[in-house]
Amino acid sequence: MSTPAGRRVTLVAAVAENGVIGAGADIPWRISADFQHFKATTMGHVLLLGRTTHDGIGRPLPGRTTIVLTRDPSYAADGVEVAHSITDALALADRLLDGEPADRQVMVGGGAAVYAAAMPYADEQVISEIPMSPDGDTHYPEFSPRRWAEVRREPREGFTVVWWERVFACGGA
């Protein structure tokens, strides 16, 4: 579906077999190669994060323009842009990317509520499948395999990266 101006929107997540993406404010695994994959995938793009995810990281990630999505109208953080709805965040991303090369995208890096809000606008998902089922309280949103096609699968040490493309832009997950 893309952003209003046609930029691609990509959800980037590490997801355990049981759908867990977080436990409290933490990730319940440490796979440095997956952190490197996230960095390489999002570098040079606009990165959309929820407030809790951004606060958990503790700083803007270098090499990316960060938009923090929050319902808190008074939220501010150094080095990031702030939006209060998914449509405002995507419109802001379009403005930030105006005049930039077409290959610069909007990358969504979590958390769960932001993934869910962005899912109807997403063109692609890049999912690191983590082969474990840890306890956790934060889950990646379910999506219909009828609306998404697996286009590539790349086994790596400790995880597998799977690329999904939207089959048709009908909205929904």
N, C-alpha and C. Protein backbone atom coordinates (compact mmCIF):
# COMPACT_ATOMS: atom_id res chain seq x y z
N MET A 1 0.83 -1.19 0.00
CA MET A 1 0.00 0.00 0.00
C MET A 1 0.88 1.25 0.00
N SER A 2 2.00 1.22 0.66
CA SER A 2 2.97 2.31 0.69
C SER A 2 2.44 3.52 1.44
N THR A 3 3.33 4.49 1.58
CA THR A 3 2.95 5.73 2.23
C THR A 3 2.14 6.56 1.24
N PRO A 4 1.51 7.65 1.68
CA PRO A 4 0.70 8.46 0.77
C PRO A 4 1.46 8.91 -0.48
N ALA A 5 2.75 9.17 -0.37
CA ALA A 5 3.51 9.63 -1.55
C ALA A 5 4.16 8.48 -2.30
N GLY A 6 3.89 7.25 -1.89
CA GLY A 6 4.37 6.10 -2.64
C GLY A 6 5.65 5.47 -2.14
N ARG A 7 6.20 5.90 -1.02
CA ARG A 7 7.38 5.26 -0.46
C ARG A 7 7.00 3.88 0.06
N ARG A 8 7.92 2.95 -0.08
CA ARG A 8 7.69 1.61 0.46
C ARG A 8 7.78 1.64 1.98
N VAL A 9 6.95 0.83 2.61
CA VAL A 9 6.95 0.67 4.05
C VAL A 9 7.31 -0.78 4.33
N THR A 10 8.35 -0.98 5.14
CA THR A 10 8.84 -2.32 5.45
C THR A 10 8.85 -2.52 6.95
N LEU A 11 8.22 -3.60 7.41
CA LEU A 11 8.27 -3.97 8.82
C LEU A 11 9.49 -4.87 9.01
N VAL A 12 10.33 -4.55 9.98
CA VAL A 12 11.55 -5.31 10.26
C VAL A 12 11.46 -5.80 11.70
N ALA A 13 11.45 -7.13 11.90
CA ALA A 13 11.25 -7.66 13.25
C ALA A 13 11.98 -8.98 13.42
N ALA A 14 12.31 -9.27 14.67
CA ALA A 14 12.80 -10.59 15.06
C ALA A 14 11.68 -11.23 15.87
N VAL A 15 11.23 -12.41 15.42
CA VAL A 15 10.03 -13.03 15.99
C VAL A 15 10.35 -14.48 16.37
N ALA A 16 10.08 -14.84 17.62
CA ALA A 16 10.28 -16.21 18.08
C ALA A 16 9.17 -17.12 17.52
N GLU A 17 9.38 -18.42 17.63
CA GLU A 17 8.41 -19.39 17.12
C GLU A 17 7.02 -19.19 17.70
N ASN A 18 6.94 -18.71 18.93
CA ASN A 18 5.64 -18.50 19.58
C ASN A 18 5.12 -17.07 19.38
N GLY A 19 5.74 -16.31 18.48
CA GLY A 19 5.28 -14.96 18.18
C GLY A 19 5.85 -13.88 19.09
N VAL A 20 6.60 -14.25 20.10
CA VAL A 20 7.15 -13.29 21.05
C VAL A 20 8.19 -12.40 20.36
N ILE A 21 8.10 -11.10 20.64
CA ILE A 21 9.13 -10.16 20.20
C ILE A 21 9.74 -9.41 21.38
N GLY A 22 9.14 -9.54 22.56
CA GLY A 22 9.67 -8.84 23.72
C GLY A 22 9.16 -9.40 25.03
N ALA A 23 9.93 -9.08 26.07
CA ALA A 23 9.56 -9.45 27.44
C ALA A 23 9.85 -8.23 28.30
N GLY A 24 8.79 -7.59 28.76
CA GLY A 24 8.99 -6.31 29.44
C GLY A 24 9.53 -5.32 28.43
N ALA A 25 10.56 -4.62 28.79
CA ALA A 25 11.17 -3.65 27.88
C ALA A 25 12.40 -4.23 27.20
N ASP A 26 12.53 -5.56 27.18
CA ASP A 26 13.73 -6.20 26.65
C ASP A 26 13.38 -7.22 25.58
N ILE A 27 14.39 -7.65 24.86
CA ILE A 27 14.28 -8.73 23.89
C ILE A 27 14.79 -9.98 24.60
N PRO A 28 14.03 -11.09 24.58
CA PRO A 28 14.41 -12.26 25.37
C PRO A 28 15.49 -13.15 24.73
N TRP A 29 16.31 -12.60 23.86
CA TRP A 29 17.45 -13.32 23.30
C TRP A 29 18.50 -12.29 22.89
N ARG A 30 19.70 -12.75 22.71
CA ARG A 30 20.80 -11.91 22.24
C ARG A 30 21.48 -12.64 21.09
N ILE A 31 21.18 -12.20 19.88
CA ILE A 31 21.81 -12.78 18.69
C ILE A 31 22.46 -11.61 17.96
N SER A 32 23.76 -11.45 18.15
CA SER A 32 24.44 -10.27 17.59
C SER A 32 24.31 -10.21 16.08
N ALA A 33 24.30 -11.35 15.40
CA ALA A 33 24.14 -11.33 13.93
C ALA A 33 22.79 -10.78 13.52
N ASP A 34 21.76 -10.98 14.34
CA ASP A 34 20.46 -10.41 14.01
C ASP A 34 20.47 -8.90 14.25
N PHE A 35 21.13 -8.44 15.29
CA PHE A 35 21.26 -6.99 15.49
C PHE A 35 21.98 -6.36 14.31
N GLN A 36 23.01 -7.03 13.80
CA GLN A 36 23.73 -6.54 12.63
C GLN A 36 22.83 -6.53 11.39
N HIS A 37 22.00 -7.56 11.26
CA HIS A 37 21.04 -7.63 10.15
C HIS A 37 20.06 -6.44 10.24
N PHE A 38 19.54 -6.16 11.44
CA PHE A 38 18.62 -5.03 11.62
C PHE A 38 19.32 -3.73 11.23
N LYS A 39 20.54 -3.56 11.68
CA LYS A 39 21.30 -2.35 11.34
C LYS A 39 21.48 -2.21 9.84
N ALA A 40 21.91 -3.28 9.19
CA ALA A 40 22.16 -3.23 7.74
C ALA A 40 20.86 -2.97 6.97
N THR A 41 19.77 -3.55 7.43
CA THR A 41 18.48 -3.41 6.74
C THR A 41 17.91 -2.01 6.87
N THR A 42 18.09 -1.39 8.02
CA THR A 42 17.46 -0.09 8.29
C THR A 42 18.39 1.10 8.02
N MET A 43 19.68 0.86 7.86
CA MET A 43 20.64 1.95 7.69
C MET A 43 20.29 2.81 6.48
N GLY A 44 20.30 4.13 6.69
CA GLY A 44 20.05 5.08 5.61
C GLY A 44 18.59 5.36 5.34
N HIS A 45 17.71 4.70 6.07
CA HIS A 45 16.27 4.87 5.86
C HIS A 45 15.65 5.65 7.01
N VAL A 46 14.37 5.98 6.88
CA VAL A 46 13.61 6.53 8.00
C VAL A 46 13.16 5.34 8.84
N LEU A 47 13.42 5.41 10.13
CA LEU A 47 13.08 4.34 11.05
C LEU A 47 11.96 4.81 11.96
N LEU A 48 10.85 4.08 11.94
CA LEU A 48 9.68 4.39 12.75
C LEU A 48 9.65 3.43 13.94
N LEU A 49 9.68 4.01 15.15
CA LEU A 49 9.68 3.23 16.38
C LEU A 49 8.60 3.74 17.32
N GLY A 50 8.07 2.86 18.12
CA GLY A 50 7.20 3.28 19.21
C GLY A 50 8.02 3.89 20.32
N ARG A 51 7.36 4.64 21.18
CA ARG A 51 8.07 5.32 22.27
C ARG A 51 8.79 4.34 23.18
N THR A 52 8.12 3.26 23.58
CA THR A 52 8.74 2.29 24.49
C THR A 52 9.97 1.66 23.84
N THR A 53 9.88 1.33 22.56
CA THR A 53 11.02 0.75 21.86
C THR A 53 12.16 1.75 21.79
N HIS A 54 11.84 2.99 21.42
CA HIS A 54 12.89 4.01 21.35
C HIS A 54 13.52 4.24 22.72
N ASP A 55 12.69 4.37 23.76
CA ASP A 55 13.23 4.60 25.10
C ASP A 55 14.09 3.43 25.56
N GLY A 56 13.71 2.20 25.16
CA GLY A 56 14.51 1.02 25.50
C GLY A 56 15.88 1.04 24.84
N ILE A 57 15.95 1.57 23.62
CA ILE A 57 17.24 1.71 22.94
C ILE A 57 18.04 2.82 23.60
N GLY A 58 17.35 3.88 23.99
CA GLY A 58 17.97 4.94 24.77
C GLY A 58 18.60 6.08 23.98
N ARG A 59 18.58 5.99 22.66
CA ARG A 59 19.17 7.04 21.84
C ARG A 59 18.73 6.84 20.39
N PRO A 60 18.84 7.87 19.57
CA PRO A 60 18.58 7.65 18.14
C PRO A 60 19.67 6.75 17.56
N LEU A 61 19.28 5.85 16.70
CA LEU A 61 20.27 4.97 16.07
C LEU A 61 20.99 5.72 14.96
N PRO A 62 22.31 5.67 14.93
CA PRO A 62 23.06 6.42 13.91
C PRO A 62 22.73 5.96 12.50
N GLY A 63 22.80 6.90 11.56
CA GLY A 63 22.62 6.57 10.15
C GLY A 63 21.18 6.41 9.72
N ARG A 64 20.25 6.70 10.62
CA ARG A 64 18.83 6.61 10.32
C ARG A 64 18.12 7.84 10.86
N THR A 65 17.13 8.32 10.16
CA THR A 65 16.27 9.37 10.67
C THR A 65 15.16 8.66 11.44
N THR A 66 15.00 8.99 12.71
CA THR A 66 14.05 8.26 13.55
C THR A 66 12.80 9.09 13.81
N ILE A 67 11.65 8.44 13.62
CA ILE A 67 10.37 9.00 14.02
C ILE A 67 9.85 8.14 15.17
N VAL A 68 9.51 8.78 16.27
CA VAL A 68 8.94 8.07 17.41
C VAL A 68 7.44 8.30 17.40
N LEU A 69 6.69 7.21 17.41
CA LEU A 69 5.24 7.25 17.43
C LEU A 69 4.78 7.10 18.88
N THR A 70 4.02 8.08 19.37
CA THR A 70 3.54 8.06 20.75
C THR A 70 2.19 8.75 20.84
N ARG A 71 1.39 8.31 21.80
CA ARG A 71 0.12 8.98 22.07
C ARG A 71 0.32 10.18 23.00
N ASP A 72 1.47 10.27 23.64
CA ASP A 72 1.75 11.33 24.61
C ASP A 72 2.04 12.65 23.89
N PRO A 73 1.15 13.63 23.98
CA PRO A 73 1.35 14.88 23.25
C PRO A 73 2.53 15.71 23.76
N SER A 74 3.02 15.41 24.95
CA SER A 74 4.15 16.18 25.49
C SER A 74 5.49 15.48 25.29
N TYR A 75 5.48 14.31 24.66
CA TYR A 75 6.74 13.56 24.49
C TYR A 75 7.70 14.30 23.57
N ALA A 76 8.94 14.34 23.99
CA ALA A 76 10.02 14.89 23.17
C ALA A 76 11.29 14.14 23.52
N ALA A 77 12.16 13.96 22.54
CA ALA A 77 13.45 13.31 22.76
C ALA A 77 14.45 13.91 21.79
N ASP A 78 15.66 14.06 22.24
CA ASP A 78 16.70 14.63 21.40
C ASP A 78 16.97 13.75 20.19
N GLY A 79 17.10 14.39 19.04
CA GLY A 79 17.55 13.71 17.84
C GLY A 79 16.51 12.90 17.10
N VAL A 80 15.23 13.02 17.49
CA VAL A 80 14.18 12.28 16.81
C VAL A 80 13.03 13.22 16.45
N GLU A 81 12.25 12.79 15.47
CA GLU A 81 10.98 13.45 15.15
C GLU A 81 9.90 12.70 15.93
N VAL A 82 8.78 13.35 16.18
CA VAL A 82 7.70 12.73 16.95
C VAL A 82 6.40 12.84 16.15
N ALA A 83 5.62 11.76 16.16
CA ALA A 83 4.30 11.74 15.53
C ALA A 83 3.33 11.08 16.50
N HIS A 84 2.04 11.41 16.34
CA HIS A 84 1.04 10.93 17.29
C HIS A 84 0.01 9.98 16.67
N SER A 85 0.15 9.67 15.39
CA SER A 85 -0.70 8.66 14.75
C SER A 85 0.11 8.04 13.63
N ILE A 86 -0.31 6.87 13.19
CA ILE A 86 0.43 6.20 12.12
C ILE A 86 0.35 7.02 10.83
N THR A 87 -0.80 7.62 10.55
CA THR A 87 -0.90 8.41 9.32
C THR A 87 -0.03 9.65 9.40
N ASP A 88 0.04 10.29 10.56
CA ASP A 88 0.94 11.43 10.73
C ASP A 88 2.40 11.01 10.59
N ALA A 89 2.74 9.85 11.15
CA ALA A 89 4.12 9.36 11.06
C ALA A 89 4.52 9.08 9.61
N LEU A 90 3.62 8.47 8.84
CA LEU A 90 3.93 8.16 7.44
C LEU A 90 3.99 9.43 6.60
N ALA A 91 3.12 10.40 6.90
CA ALA A 91 3.18 11.67 6.18
C ALA A 91 4.48 12.41 6.51
N LEU A 92 4.89 12.37 7.76
CA LEU A 92 6.16 12.97 8.16
C LEU A 92 7.32 12.28 7.46
N ALA A 93 7.27 10.97 7.40
CA ALA A 93 8.33 10.22 6.70
C ALA A 93 8.41 10.65 5.24
N ASP A 94 7.27 10.82 4.60
CA ASP A 94 7.26 11.27 3.20
C ASP A 94 7.91 12.64 3.07
N ARG A 95 7.60 13.54 4.00
CA ARG A 95 8.23 14.87 3.96
C ARG A 95 9.74 14.77 4.16
N LEU A 96 10.16 13.92 5.09
CA LEU A 96 11.59 13.75 5.35
C LEU A 96 12.31 13.13 4.15
N LEU A 97 11.60 12.31 3.40
CA LEU A 97 12.20 11.62 2.26
C LEU A 97 12.02 12.38 0.95
N ASP A 98 11.26 13.47 0.97
CA ASP A 98 11.02 14.24 -0.25
C ASP A 98 12.35 14.68 -0.85
N GLY A 99 12.55 14.38 -2.10
CA GLY A 99 13.78 14.74 -2.79
C GLY A 99 14.91 13.74 -2.59
N GLU A 100 14.69 12.75 -1.75
CA GLU A 100 15.70 11.71 -1.51
C GLU A 100 15.58 10.63 -2.58
N PRO A 101 16.62 9.82 -2.76
CA PRO A 101 16.53 8.72 -3.73
C PRO A 101 15.35 7.79 -3.43
N ALA A 102 14.76 7.27 -4.48
CA ALA A 102 13.56 6.44 -4.35
C ALA A 102 13.79 5.18 -3.53
N ASP A 103 15.05 4.72 -3.41
CA ASP A 103 15.30 3.49 -2.66
C ASP A 103 15.31 3.72 -1.14
N ARG A 104 15.24 4.97 -0.69
CA ARG A 104 15.11 5.22 0.75
C ARG A 104 13.68 4.94 1.15
N GLN A 105 13.51 4.14 2.17
CA GLN A 105 12.20 3.65 2.57
C GLN A 105 11.87 4.04 4.00
N VAL A 106 10.65 3.68 4.39
CA VAL A 106 10.21 3.77 5.77
C VAL A 106 10.34 2.37 6.36
N MET A 107 11.17 2.24 7.38
CA MET A 107 11.38 0.97 8.06
C MET A 107 10.71 1.05 9.43
N VAL A 108 9.89 0.08 9.74
CA VAL A 108 9.18 0.05 11.02
C VAL A 108 9.89 -0.97 11.91
N GLY A 109 10.36 -0.50 13.08
CA GLY A 109 11.14 -1.35 13.96
C GLY A 109 10.49 -1.70 15.28
N GLY A 110 9.18 -1.52 15.41
CA GLY A 110 8.49 -1.96 16.60
C GLY A 110 8.09 -0.83 17.51
N GLY A 111 7.42 -1.16 18.55
CA GLY A 111 6.98 -2.42 19.07
C GLY A 111 5.70 -2.92 18.47
N ALA A 112 5.05 -3.79 19.22
CA ALA A 112 3.89 -4.52 18.72
C ALA A 112 2.77 -3.60 18.23
N ALA A 113 2.44 -2.57 18.99
CA ALA A 113 1.35 -1.67 18.58
C ALA A 113 1.71 -0.92 17.30
N VAL A 114 2.98 -0.57 17.14
CA VAL A 114 3.42 0.14 15.94
C VAL A 114 3.40 -0.81 14.75
N TYR A 115 3.87 -2.04 14.94
CA TYR A 115 3.77 -3.03 13.85
C TYR A 115 2.31 -3.20 13.43
N ALA A 116 1.42 -3.35 14.39
CA ALA A 116 0.00 -3.55 14.08
C ALA A 116 -0.58 -2.34 13.34
N ALA A 117 -0.24 -1.13 13.79
CA ALA A 117 -0.76 0.08 13.14
C ALA A 117 -0.20 0.23 11.73
N ALA A 118 1.04 -0.15 11.53
CA ALA A 118 1.69 0.01 10.22
C ALA A 118 1.37 -1.12 9.25
N MET A 119 0.91 -2.26 9.74
CA MET A 119 0.67 -3.42 8.89
C MET A 119 -0.21 -3.10 7.67
N PRO A 120 -1.31 -2.36 7.81
CA PRO A 120 -2.13 -2.08 6.62
C PRO A 120 -1.41 -1.25 5.55
N TYR A 121 -0.35 -0.56 5.92
CA TYR A 121 0.38 0.29 4.99
C TYR A 121 1.64 -0.40 4.45
N ALA A 122 1.98 -1.54 5.00
CA ALA A 122 3.25 -2.20 4.69
C ALA A 122 3.21 -2.87 3.32
N ASP A 123 4.34 -2.75 2.64
CA ASP A 123 4.55 -3.43 1.36
C ASP A 123 5.36 -4.70 1.55
N GLU A 124 6.17 -4.72 2.60
CA GLU A 124 7.12 -5.81 2.80
C GLU A 124 7.30 -6.04 4.29
N GLN A 125 7.61 -7.28 4.65
CA GLN A 125 8.02 -7.63 6.00
C GLN A 125 9.35 -8.37 5.88
N VAL A 126 10.29 -8.01 6.73
CA VAL A 126 11.57 -8.71 6.81
C VAL A 126 11.63 -9.27 8.23
N ILE A 127 11.37 -10.57 8.34
CA ILE A 127 11.21 -11.21 9.63
C ILE A 127 12.39 -12.14 9.90
N SER A 128 13.08 -11.89 11.00
CA SER A 128 14.09 -12.83 11.49
C SER A 128 13.35 -13.85 12.34
N GLU A 129 13.30 -15.08 11.87
CA GLU A 129 12.65 -16.15 12.63
C GLU A 129 13.66 -16.68 13.65
N ILE A 130 13.31 -16.56 14.93
CA ILE A 130 14.19 -16.97 16.02
C ILE A 130 13.72 -18.35 16.50
N PRO A 131 14.59 -19.37 16.42
CA PRO A 131 14.16 -20.75 16.73
C PRO A 131 14.11 -21.05 18.22
N MET A 132 13.23 -20.35 18.91
CA MET A 132 13.01 -20.60 20.33
C MET A 132 11.61 -20.10 20.67
N SER A 133 11.13 -20.47 21.84
CA SER A 133 9.81 -20.04 22.31
C SER A 133 9.94 -19.49 23.72
N PRO A 134 10.53 -18.30 23.86
CA PRO A 134 10.73 -17.73 25.20
C PRO A 134 9.44 -17.17 25.77
N ASP A 135 9.44 -16.99 27.08
CA ASP A 135 8.35 -16.26 27.72
C ASP A 135 8.45 -14.81 27.28
N GLY A 136 7.32 -14.19 27.10
CA GLY A 136 7.31 -12.79 26.73
C GLY A 136 5.90 -12.25 26.77
N ASP A 137 5.80 -10.93 26.82
CA ASP A 137 4.50 -10.28 26.91
C ASP A 137 4.19 -9.44 25.68
N THR A 138 5.08 -9.43 24.73
CA THR A 138 4.89 -8.64 23.52
C THR A 138 5.00 -9.57 22.32
N HIS A 139 4.01 -9.52 21.44
CA HIS A 139 3.94 -10.44 20.30
C HIS A 139 3.82 -9.68 18.99
N TYR A 140 4.40 -10.25 17.95
CA TYR A 140 4.26 -9.69 16.61
C TYR A 140 2.82 -9.93 16.15
N PRO A 141 2.22 -8.97 15.46
CA PRO A 141 0.83 -9.16 15.03
C PRO A 141 0.72 -10.29 14.01
N GLU A 142 -0.37 -11.03 14.11
CA GLU A 142 -0.62 -12.08 13.12
C GLU A 142 -0.96 -11.42 11.79
N PHE A 143 -0.61 -12.13 10.71
CA PHE A 143 -0.95 -11.63 9.37
C PHE A 143 -1.38 -12.81 8.52
N SER A 144 -2.22 -12.53 7.55
CA SER A 144 -2.80 -13.57 6.71
C SER A 144 -1.82 -13.97 5.59
N PRO A 145 -1.45 -15.24 5.52
CA PRO A 145 -0.58 -15.68 4.43
C PRO A 145 -1.26 -15.54 3.05
N ARG A 146 -2.57 -15.34 3.03
CA ARG A 146 -3.26 -15.10 1.75
C ARG A 146 -2.93 -13.72 1.21
N ARG A 147 -2.59 -12.80 2.10
CA ARG A 147 -2.29 -11.43 1.68
C ARG A 147 -0.79 -11.16 1.56
N TRP A 148 0.01 -12.16 1.93
CA TRP A 148 1.46 -12.02 1.91
C TRP A 148 2.07 -13.25 1.26
N ALA A 149 3.12 -13.04 0.48
CA ALA A 149 3.82 -14.15 -0.16
C ALA A 149 5.27 -14.15 0.30
N GLU A 150 5.73 -15.31 0.74
CA GLU A 150 7.14 -15.44 1.08
C GLU A 150 7.93 -15.41 -0.23
N VAL A 151 8.87 -14.48 -0.33
CA VAL A 151 9.61 -14.32 -1.58
C VAL A 151 11.07 -14.72 -1.45
N ARG A 152 11.55 -14.85 -0.21
CA ARG A 152 12.94 -15.23 -0.02
C ARG A 152 13.13 -15.72 1.40
N ARG A 153 14.01 -16.68 1.57
CA ARG A 153 14.33 -17.25 2.89
C ARG A 153 15.83 -17.47 2.92
N GLU A 154 16.47 -16.94 3.95
CA GLU A 154 17.92 -17.03 4.06
C GLU A 154 18.33 -17.51 5.45
N PRO A 155 18.73 -18.79 5.55
CA PRO A 155 19.21 -19.29 6.84
C PRO A 155 20.52 -18.60 7.23
N ARG A 156 20.60 -18.23 8.48
CA ARG A 156 21.81 -17.63 9.04
C ARG A 156 22.12 -18.37 10.33
N GLU A 157 23.27 -18.09 10.91
CA GLU A 157 23.62 -18.77 12.15
C GLU A 157 22.76 -18.26 13.30
N GLY A 158 21.89 -19.13 13.82
CA GLY A 158 21.05 -18.79 14.95
C GLY A 158 19.68 -18.25 14.61
N PHE A 159 19.39 -18.00 13.34
CA PHE A 159 18.08 -17.49 12.93
C PHE A 159 17.96 -17.60 11.41
N THR A 160 16.76 -17.36 10.90
CA THR A 160 16.50 -17.35 9.47
C THR A 160 15.78 -16.06 9.13
N VAL A 161 16.22 -15.39 8.07
CA VAL A 161 15.55 -14.17 7.62
C VAL A 161 14.58 -14.55 6.51
N VAL A 162 13.34 -14.08 6.65
CA VAL A 162 12.30 -14.36 5.66
C VAL A 162 11.73 -13.03 5.17
N TRP A 163 11.68 -12.88 3.85
CA TRP A 163 11.11 -11.68 3.23
C TRP A 163 9.71 -12.01 2.74
N TRP A 164 8.75 -11.18 3.11
CA TRP A 164 7.36 -11.30 2.71
C TRP A 164 6.97 -10.06 1.91
N GLU A 165 6.26 -10.25 0.81
CA GLU A 165 5.74 -9.13 0.01
C GLU A 165 4.22 -9.19 0.04
N ARG A 166 3.60 -8.03 0.11
CA ARG A 166 2.14 -7.99 0.08
C ARG A 166 1.66 -8.50 -1.28
N VAL A 167 0.68 -9.39 -1.26
CA VAL A 167 0.15 -9.97 -2.48
C VAL A 167 -0.71 -8.98 -3.22
N PHE A 168 -1.57 -8.29 -2.50
CA PHE A 168 -2.38 -7.24 -3.10
C PHE A 168 -2.68 -6.22 -2.03
N ALA A 169 -2.78 -4.99 -2.43
CA ALA A 169 -2.98 -3.88 -1.49
C ALA A 169 -4.46 -3.70 -1.21
N CYS A 170 -4.95 -4.47 -0.25
CA CYS A 170 -6.37 -4.40 0.09
C CYS A 170 -6.59 -3.85 1.48
N GLY A 171 -5.51 -3.44 2.15
CA GLY A 171 -5.64 -3.01 3.52
C GLY A 171 -5.66 -4.23 4.43
N GLY A 172 -5.66 -4.04 5.69
CA GLY A 172 -5.68 -5.13 6.64
C GLY A 172 -4.34 -5.82 6.71
N ALA A 173 -4.28 -6.89 7.50
CA ALA A 173 -3.03 -7.60 7.71
C ALA A 173 -2.94 -8.76 6.76
